[in-house]
PDB file of N, CA and C in Angstrom:
ATOM      1  N   UNK A   1     204.593  48.492  32.779  1.00  0.00           N
ATOM      2  CA  UNK A   1     204.633  47.015  32.531  1.00  0.00           C
ATOM      3  C   UNK A   1     203.420  46.342  32.712  1.00  0.00           C
ATOM      4  N   UNK A   2     202.662  47.024  33.623  1.00  0.00           N
ATOM      5  CA  UNK A   2     201.218  46.224  33.819  1.00  0.00           C
ATOM      6  C   UNK A   2     200.624  46.132  32.654  1.00  0.00           C
ATOM      7  N   UNK A   3     200.509  47.146  31.636  1.00  0.00           N
ATOM      8  CA  UNK A   3     199.835  46.950  30.514  1.00  0.00           C
ATOM      9  C   UNK A   3     200.391  46.094  29.506  1.00  0.00           C
ATOM     10  N   UNK A   4     201.747  45.695  29.497  1.00  0.00           N
ATOM     11  CA  UNK A   4     202.227  44.481  28.842  1.00  0.00           C
ATOM     12  C   UNK A   4     202.028  43.348  29.188  1.00  0.00           C
ATOM     13  N   UNK A   5     202.059  43.120  30.809  1.00  0.00           N
ATOM     14  CA  UNK A   5     201.622  41.931  31.174  1.00  0.00           C
ATOM     15  C   UNK A   5     200.015  41.512  30.921  1.00  0.00           C
ATOM     16  N   UNK A   6     199.492  42.717  31.082  1.00  0.00           N
ATOM     17  CA  UNK A   6     197.796  42.247  30.504  1.00  0.00           C
ATOM     18  C   UNK A   6     197.779  41.774  28.861  1.00  0.00           C
ATOM     19  N   UNK A   7     198.547  42.437  28.341  1.00  0.00           N
ATOM     20  CA  UNK A   7     198.419  42.244  26.757  1.00  0.00           C
ATOM     21  C   UNK A   7     198.985  40.821  26.611  1.00  0.00           C
ATOM     22  N   UNK A   8     200.080  40.472  27.188  1.00  0.00           N
ATOM     23  CA  UNK A   8     200.518  38.955  27.093  1.00  0.00           C
ATOM     24  C   UNK A   8     199.595  38.064  27.597  1.00  0.00           C
ATOM     25  N   UNK A   9     199.117  38.217  28.747  1.00  0.00           N
ATOM     26  CA  UNK A   9     197.917  37.115  29.307  1.00  0.00           C
ATOM     27  C   UNK A   9     196.777  36.947  28.614  1.00  0.00           C
ATOM     28  N   UNK A  10     196.296  38.222  28.084  1.00  0.00           N
ATOM     29  CA  UNK A  10     194.921  38.351  27.263  1.00  0.00           C
ATOM     30  C   UNK A  10     195.246  38.183  25.703  1.00  0.00           C
ATOM     31  N   UNK A  11     196.548  37.980  25.309  1.00  0.00           N
ATOM     32  CA  UNK A  11     196.765  37.795  23.837  1.00  0.00           C
ATOM     33  C   UNK A  11     196.338  38.898  23.114  1.00  0.00           C
ATOM     34  N   UNK A  12     196.550  40.015  23.483  1.00  0.00           N
ATOM     35  CA  UNK A  12     196.084  41.293  22.881  1.00  0.00           C
ATOM     36  C   UNK A  12     197.349  42.053  22.058  1.00  0.00           C
ATOM     37  N   UNK A  13     196.891  42.469  20.728  1.00  0.00           N
ATOM     38  CA  UNK A  13     197.919  43.223  20.025  1.00  0.00           C
ATOM     39  C   UNK A  13     198.336  44.408  20.869  1.00  0.00           C
ATOM     40  N   UNK A  14     199.727  44.959  20.363  1.00  0.00           N
ATOM     41  CA  UNK A  14     200.111  46.163  20.982  1.00  0.00           C
ATOM     42  C   UNK A  14     200.494  47.139  19.881  1.00  0.00           C
ATOM     43  N   UNK A  15     200.496  48.358  20.113  1.00  0.00           N
ATOM     44  CA  UNK A  15     201.226  49.444  19.237  1.00  0.00           C
ATOM     45  C   UNK A  15     202.293  49.914  19.984  1.00  0.00           C
ATOM     46  N   UNK A  16     203.361  50.442  19.540  1.00  0.00           N
ATOM     47  CA  UNK A  16     204.369  51.205  20.213  1.00  0.00           C
ATOM     48  C   UNK A  16     205.297  51.813  19.101  1.00  0.00           C
ATOM     49  N   UNK A  17     206.189  52.654  19.812  1.00  0.00           N
ATOM     50  CA  UNK A  17     207.149  53.084  18.918  1.00  0.00           C
ATOM     51  C   UNK A  17     208.614  52.930  19.426  1.00  0.00           C
ATOM     52  N   UNK A  18     209.541  52.363  18.669  1.00  0.00           N
ATOM     53  CA  UNK A  18     210.759  52.051  19.004  1.00  0.00           C
ATOM     54  C   UNK A  18     211.826  52.626  18.106  1.00  0.00           C
ATOM     55  N   UNK A  19     212.651  53.447  18.571  1.00  0.00           N
ATOM     56  CA  UNK A  19     213.584  54.203  17.869  1.00  0.00           C
ATOM     57  C   UNK A  19     213.027  55.047  16.585  1.00  0.00           C
ATOM     58  N   UNK A  20     211.759  55.618  17.143  1.00  0.00           N
ATOM     59  CA  UNK A  20     211.120  56.544  16.197  1.00  0.00           C
ATOM     60  C   UNK A  20     210.291  55.872  15.123  1.00  0.00           C
ATOM     61  N   UNK A  21     210.225  54.701  15.222  1.00  0.00           N
ATOM     62  CA  UNK A  21     209.242  53.728  14.113  1.00  0.00           C
ATOM     63  C   UNK A  21     208.009  53.235  14.890  1.00  0.00           C
ATOM     64  N   UNK A  22     206.980  53.469  14.294  1.00  0.00           N
ATOM     65  CA  UNK A  22     205.729  52.819  15.072  1.00  0.00           C
ATOM     66  C   UNK A  22     205.456  51.475  14.411  1.00  0.00           C
ATOM     67  N   UNK A  23     205.281  50.624  15.381  1.00  0.00           N
ATOM     68  CA  UNK A  23     204.926  49.052  15.227  1.00  0.00           C
ATOM     69  C   UNK A  23     203.608  48.638  15.731  1.00  0.00           C
ATOM     70  N   UNK A  24     202.935  47.740  15.054  1.00  0.00           N
ATOM     71  CA  UNK A  24     201.814  46.979  15.607  1.00  0.00           C
ATOM     72  C   UNK A  24     202.306  45.479  15.790  1.00  0.00           C
ATOM     73  N   UNK A  25     201.984  44.917  16.964  1.00  0.00           N
ATOM     74  CA  UNK A  25     202.773  43.634  16.901  1.00  0.00           C
ATOM     75  C   UNK A  25     201.989  42.752  17.799  1.00  0.00           C
ATOM     76  N   UNK A  26     202.229  41.383  17.845  1.00  0.00           N
ATOM     77  CA  UNK A  26     201.564  40.272  18.663  1.00  0.00           C
ATOM     78  C   UNK A  26     202.709  40.054  19.908  1.00  0.00           C
ATOM     79  N   UNK A  27     202.609  40.543  20.981  1.00  0.00           N
ATOM     80  CA  UNK A  27     203.715  40.196  22.044  1.00  0.00           C
ATOM     81  C   UNK A  27     203.402  38.670  22.440  1.00  0.00           C
ATOM     82  N   UNK A  28     204.433  37.956  22.238  1.00  0.00           N
ATOM     83  CA  UNK A  28     204.185  36.464  22.389  1.00  0.00           C
ATOM     84  C   UNK A  28     204.984  36.081  23.806  1.00  0.00           C
ATOM     85  N   UNK A  29     205.817  36.980  24.393  1.00  0.00           N
ATOM     86  CA  UNK A  29     206.518  36.514  25.524  1.00  0.00           C
ATOM     87  C   UNK A  29     207.640  37.735  25.937  1.00  0.00           C
ATOM     88  N   UNK A  30     207.913  37.596  27.125  1.00  0.00           N
ATOM     89  CA  UNK A  30     208.713  38.481  27.768  1.00  0.00           C
ATOM     90  C   UNK A  30     209.730  37.634  28.471  1.00  0.00           C
ATOM     91  N   UNK A  31     211.264  37.964  28.604  1.00  0.00           N
ATOM     92  CA  UNK A  31     212.182  37.419  29.380  1.00  0.00           C
ATOM     93  C   UNK A  31     213.351  38.373  29.655  1.00  0.00           C
ATOM     94  N   UNK A  32     214.070  38.096  30.615  1.00  0.00           N
ATOM     95  CA  UNK A  32     215.257  38.806  31.203  1.00  0.00           C
ATOM     96  C   UNK A  32     216.490  38.454  30.569  1.00  0.00           C
ATOM     97  N   UNK A  33     216.971  39.173  29.795  1.00  0.00           N
ATOM     98  CA  UNK A  33     218.280  38.771  28.700  1.00  0.00           C
ATOM     99  C   UNK A  33     219.603  38.909  29.899  1.00  0.00           C
ATOM    100  N   UNK A  34     220.003  37.881  30.161  1.00  0.00           N
ATOM    101  CA  UNK A  34     221.394  37.919  30.843  1.00  0.00           C
ATOM    102  C   UNK A  34     222.569  38.506  30.304  1.00  0.00           C
ATOM    103  N   UNK A  35     222.532  38.677  28.922  1.00  0.00           N
ATOM    104  CA  UNK A  35     223.684  39.494  28.388  1.00  0.00           C
ATOM    105  C   UNK A  35     223.416  41.068  28.584  1.00  0.00           C
ATOM    106  N   UNK A  36     222.353  41.560  28.383  1.00  0.00           N
ATOM    107  CA  UNK A  36     221.975  42.921  28.398  1.00  0.00           C
ATOM    108  C   UNK A  36     221.291  43.261  29.857  1.00  0.00           C
ATOM    109  N   UNK A  37     221.203  42.346  30.459  1.00  0.00           N
ATOM    110  CA  UNK A  37     220.403  42.574  31.845  1.00  0.00           C
ATOM    111  C   UNK A  37     219.119  43.476  31.841  1.00  0.00           C
ATOM    112  N   UNK A  38     218.592  43.036  30.760  1.00  0.00           N
ATOM    113  CA  UNK A  38     217.168  43.984  30.572  1.00  0.00           C
ATOM    114  C   UNK A  38     216.001  42.851  30.158  1.00  0.00           C
ATOM    115  N   UNK A  39     214.897  43.626  30.241  1.00  0.00           N
ATOM    116  CA  UNK A  39     213.645  42.876  30.106  1.00  0.00           C
ATOM    117  C   UNK A  39     213.560  43.019  28.372  1.00  0.00           C
ATOM    118  N   UNK A  40     213.152  41.628  27.882  1.00  0.00           N
ATOM    119  CA  UNK A  40     213.068  41.782  26.259  1.00  0.00           C
ATOM    120  C   UNK A  40     211.614  41.284  26.061  1.00  0.00           C
ATOM    121  N   UNK A  41     210.967  41.854  25.071  1.00  0.00           N
ATOM    122  CA  UNK A  41     209.647  41.569  24.719  1.00  0.00           C
ATOM    123  C   UNK A  41     209.962  40.650  23.121  1.00  0.00           C
ATOM    124  N   UNK A  42     209.352  39.473  23.083  1.00  0.00           N
ATOM    125  CA  UNK A  42     209.516  38.807  21.906  1.00  0.00           C
ATOM    126  C   UNK A  42     208.136  39.244  21.105  1.00  0.00           C
ATOM    127  N   UNK A  43     208.167  39.605  20.019  1.00  0.00           N
ATOM    128  CA  UNK A  43     207.030  40.003  19.219  1.00  0.00           C
ATOM    129  C   UNK A  43     206.931  39.463  17.787  1.00  0.00           C
ATOM    130  N   UNK A  44     205.858  39.079  17.392  1.00  0.00           N
ATOM    131  CA  UNK A  44     205.690  39.036  16.051  1.00  0.00           C
ATOM    132  C   UNK A  44     205.277  40.528  15.310  1.00  0.00           C
ATOM    133  N   UNK A  45     206.007  40.743  14.334  1.00  0.00           N
ATOM    134  CA  UNK A  45     205.515  42.092  13.715  1.00  0.00           C
ATOM    135  C   UNK A  45     204.255  41.872  12.790  1.00  0.00           C
ATOM    136  N   UNK A  46     203.425  42.760  12.999  1.00  0.00           N
ATOM    137  CA  UNK A  46     202.091  42.919  12.138  1.00  0.00           C
ATOM    138  C   UNK A  46     202.475  44.200  11.092  1.00  0.00           C
ATOM    139  N   UNK A  47     202.739  45.372  11.504  1.00  0.00           N
ATOM    140  CA  UNK A  47     202.953  46.594  10.854  1.00  0.00           C
ATOM    141  C   UNK A  47     204.257  47.041  11.279  1.00  0.00           C
ATOM    142  N   UNK A  48     204.987  47.698  10.454  1.00  0.00           N
ATOM    143  CA  UNK A  48     206.249  48.231  10.492  1.00  0.00           C
ATOM    144  C   UNK A  48     207.490  47.448   9.869  1.00  0.00           C
ATOM    145  N   UNK A  49     208.507  48.028   9.952  1.00  0.00           N
ATOM    146  CA  UNK A  49     209.539  47.199   9.125  1.00  0.00           C
ATOM    147  C   UNK A  49     209.794  45.880   9.940  1.00  0.00           C
ATOM    148  N   UNK A  50     209.931  45.098   8.927  1.00  0.00           N
ATOM    149  CA  UNK A  50     210.033  43.641   9.357  1.00  0.00           C
ATOM    150  C   UNK A  50     208.708  42.731   9.484  1.00  0.00           C
ATOM    151  N   UNK A  51     207.707  43.379   9.042  1.00  0.00           N
ATOM    152  CA  UNK A  51     206.225  42.692   9.299  1.00  0.00           C
ATOM    153  C   UNK A  51     206.264  41.423   8.568  1.00  0.00           C
ATOM    154  N   UNK A  52     205.597  40.446   9.403  1.00  0.00           N
ATOM    155  CA  UNK A  52     205.709  39.077   9.143  1.00  0.00           C
ATOM    156  C   UNK A  52     206.749  38.324   9.771  1.00  0.00           C
ATOM    157  N   UNK A  53     207.810  38.764  10.360  1.00  0.00           N
ATOM    158  CA  UNK A  53     208.779  38.182  11.027  1.00  0.00           C
ATOM    159  C   UNK A  53     208.676  38.377  12.563  1.00  0.00           C
ATOM    160  N   UNK A  54     209.509  37.762  13.132  1.00  0.00           N
ATOM    161  CA  UNK A  54     209.816  38.044  14.669  1.00  0.00           C
ATOM    162  C   UNK A  54     210.910  39.059  14.983  1.00  0.00           C
ATOM    163  N   UNK A  55     210.578  39.599  16.069  1.00  0.00           N
ATOM    164  CA  UNK A  55     211.741  40.487  16.535  1.00  0.00           C
ATOM    165  C   UNK A  55     211.490  40.580  18.127  1.00  0.00           C
ATOM    166  N   UNK A  56     212.855  40.761  18.611  1.00  0.00           N
ATOM    167  CA  UNK A  56     212.864  41.103  20.215  1.00  0.00           C
ATOM    168  C   UNK A  56     213.217  42.461  20.331  1.00  0.00           C
ATOM    169  N   UNK A  57     212.691  43.155  21.242  1.00  0.00           N
ATOM    170  CA  UNK A  57     212.456  44.599  21.895  1.00  0.00           C
ATOM    171  C   UNK A  57     212.938  44.732  23.035  1.00  0.00           C
ATOM    172  N   UNK A  58     213.871  45.615  23.549  1.00  0.00           N
ATOM    173  CA  UNK A  58     214.240  45.799  24.747  1.00  0.00           C
ATOM    174  C   UNK A  58     212.950  46.713  25.425  1.00  0.00           C
ATOM    175  N   UNK A  59     212.312  46.104  26.462  1.00  0.00           N
ATOM    176  CA  UNK A  59     211.249  46.776  27.099  1.00  0.00           C
ATOM    177  C   UNK A  59     211.435  48.169  27.402  1.00  0.00           C
ATOM    178  N   UNK A  60     212.668  48.595  27.760  1.00  0.00           N
ATOM    179  CA  UNK A  60     213.054  50.189  28.029  1.00  0.00           C
ATOM    180  C   UNK A  60     212.945  50.989  26.802  1.00  0.00           C
ATOM    181  N   UNK A  61     213.013  50.264  25.697  1.00  0.00           N
ATOM    182  CA  UNK A  61     212.957  51.047  24.430  1.00  0.00           C
ATOM    183  C   UNK A  61     211.653  51.455  23.774  1.00  0.00           C
ATOM    184  N   UNK A  62     210.625  50.695  24.425  1.00  0.00           N
ATOM    185  CA  UNK A  62     209.230  50.860  23.965  1.00  0.00           C
ATOM    186  C   UNK A  62     208.677  52.219  24.297  1.00  0.00           C
ATOM    187  N   UNK A  63     208.022  53.092  23.304  1.00  0.00           N
ATOM    188  CA  UNK A  63     207.490  54.260  23.760  1.00  0.00           C
ATOM    189  C   UNK A  63     206.051  54.304  23.293  1.00  0.00           C
ATOM    190  N   UNK A  64     205.093  54.954  24.060  1.00  0.00           N
ATOM    191  CA  UNK A  64     203.802  55.291  23.713  1.00  0.00           C
ATOM    192  C   UNK A  64     203.209  53.824  23.303  1.00  0.00           C
ATOM    193  N   UNK A  65     203.338  52.869  24.252  1.00  0.00           N
ATOM    194  CA  UNK A  65     202.703  51.486  24.078  1.00  0.00           C
ATOM    195  C   UNK A  65     201.247  51.350  24.338  1.00  0.00           C
ATOM    196  N   UNK A  66     200.494  50.916  23.444  1.00  0.00           N
ATOM    197  CA  UNK A  66     199.049  50.837  23.891  1.00  0.00           C
ATOM    198  C   UNK A  66     198.639  49.521  23.637  1.00  0.00           C
ATOM    199  N   UNK A  67     197.802  48.953  24.466  1.00  0.00           N
ATOM    200  CA  UNK A  67     197.144  47.632  24.046  1.00  0.00           C
ATOM    201  C   UNK A  67     195.980  47.840  23.566  1.00  0.00           C
ATOM    202  N   UNK A  68     195.776  47.239  22.202  1.00  0.00           N
ATOM    203  CA  UNK A  68     194.820  47.037  21.254  1.00  0.00           C
ATOM    204  C   UNK A  68     193.621  46.223  21.715  1.00  0.00           C
ATOM    205  N   UNK A  69     192.585  46.268  20.867  1.00  0.00           N
ATOM    206  CA  UNK A  69     191.374  45.357  21.058  1.00  0.00           C
ATOM    207  C   UNK A  69     191.506  44.068  20.407  1.00  0.00           C
ATOM    208  N   UNK A  70     192.169  44.032  19.394  1.00  0.00           N
ATOM    209  CA  UNK A  70     192.398  42.797  18.696  1.00  0.00           C
ATOM    210  C   UNK A  70     193.145  41.735  19.311  1.00  0.00           C
ATOM    211  N   UNK A  71     192.647  40.541  19.434  1.00  0.00           N
ATOM    212  CA  UNK A  71     193.139  39.315  19.965  1.00  0.00           C
ATOM    213  C   UNK A  71     193.928  38.498  18.877  1.00  0.00           C
ATOM    214  N   UNK A  72     194.792  37.651  19.160  1.00  0.00           N
ATOM    215  CA  UNK A  72     195.608  36.753  18.500  1.00  0.00           C
ATOM    216  C   UNK A  72     195.790  35.379  19.139  1.00  0.00           C
ATOM    217  N   UNK A  73     196.070  34.384  18.127  1.00  0.00           N
ATOM    218  CA  UNK A  73     196.462  33.028  18.748  1.00  0.00           C
ATOM    219  C   UNK A  73     197.956  32.907  18.779  1.00  0.00           C
ATOM    220  N   UNK A  74     198.464  32.081  19.651  1.00  0.00           N
ATOM    221  CA  UNK A  74     199.790  31.910  19.875  1.00  0.00           C
ATOM    222  C   UNK A  74     200.385  31.541  18.615  1.00  0.00           C
ATOM    223  N   UNK A  75     201.590  31.766  18.343  1.00  0.00           N
ATOM    224  CA  UNK A  75     202.376  31.414  17.299  1.00  0.00           C
ATOM    225  C   UNK A  75     203.564  30.950  17.586  1.00  0.00           C
ATOM    226  N   UNK A  76     204.160  29.783  16.964  1.00  0.00           N
ATOM    227  CA  UNK A  76     205.546  28.994  17.241  1.00  0.00           C
ATOM    228  C   UNK A  76     206.488  29.612  16.455  1.00  0.00           C
ATOM    229  N   UNK A  77     207.524  29.916  17.390  1.00  0.00           N
ATOM    230  CA  UNK A  77     208.773  30.752  16.723  1.00  0.00           C
ATOM    231  C   UNK A  77     209.623  29.661  16.293  1.00  0.00           C
ATOM    232  N   UNK A  78     209.825  29.561  14.897  1.00  0.00           N
ATOM    233  CA  UNK A  78     210.670  28.427  14.219  1.00  0.00           C
ATOM    234  C   UNK A  78     212.165  29.243  14.340  1.00  0.00           C
ATOM    235  N   UNK A  79     213.152  28.633  14.744  1.00  0.00           N
ATOM    236  CA  UNK A  79     214.627  29.164  14.664  1.00  0.00           C
ATOM    237  C   UNK A  79     215.199  28.443  13.276  1.00  0.00           C
ATOM    238  N   UNK A  80     215.644  29.231  12.613  1.00  0.00           N
ATOM    239  CA  UNK A  80     216.518  28.521  11.338  1.00  0.00           C
ATOM    240  C   UNK A  80     217.741  28.015  11.857  1.00  0.00           C
ATOM    241  N   UNK A  81     217.713  26.741  11.386  1.00  0.00           N
ATOM    242  CA  UNK A  81     219.064  26.028  11.584  1.00  0.00           C
ATOM    243  C   UNK A  81     219.930  26.074  10.529  1.00  0.00           C
ATOM    244  N   UNK A  82     221.370  26.524  10.703  1.00  0.00           N
ATOM    245  CA  UNK A  82     222.287  26.465   9.632  1.00  0.00           C
ATOM    246  C   UNK A  82     223.229  25.261   9.716  1.00  0.00           C
ATOM    247  N   UNK A  83     223.021  24.359   8.838  1.00  0.00           N
ATOM    248  CA  UNK A  83     223.979  23.227   8.815  1.00  0.00           C
ATOM    249  C   UNK A  83     225.509  23.599   8.885  1.00  0.00           C
ATOM    250  N   UNK A  84     226.250  22.806   9.713  1.00  0.00           N
ATOM    251  CA  UNK A  84     227.645  22.783   9.825  1.00  0.00           C
ATOM    252  C   UNK A  84     228.564  22.320   8.546  1.00  0.00           C
TER     253      UNK A  84
END
């Protein structure tokens, strides 16, 4: 988890495998999900399924995570609102 914390504070891209799929992403934050009682990493996906969109990953499911040299600027996560 130390590498992930370093990537978050240094705003460095990461690569990892989740469910057998390789991703390159910008980790924007980490939180403890009360429903699953697990740490979740909120990422903007650069390469992999869902590229150009946001996705949350359980930290425990990340494999072969590496911090990359490339930096990034913070992004705003816009939640879509569905009218009632």
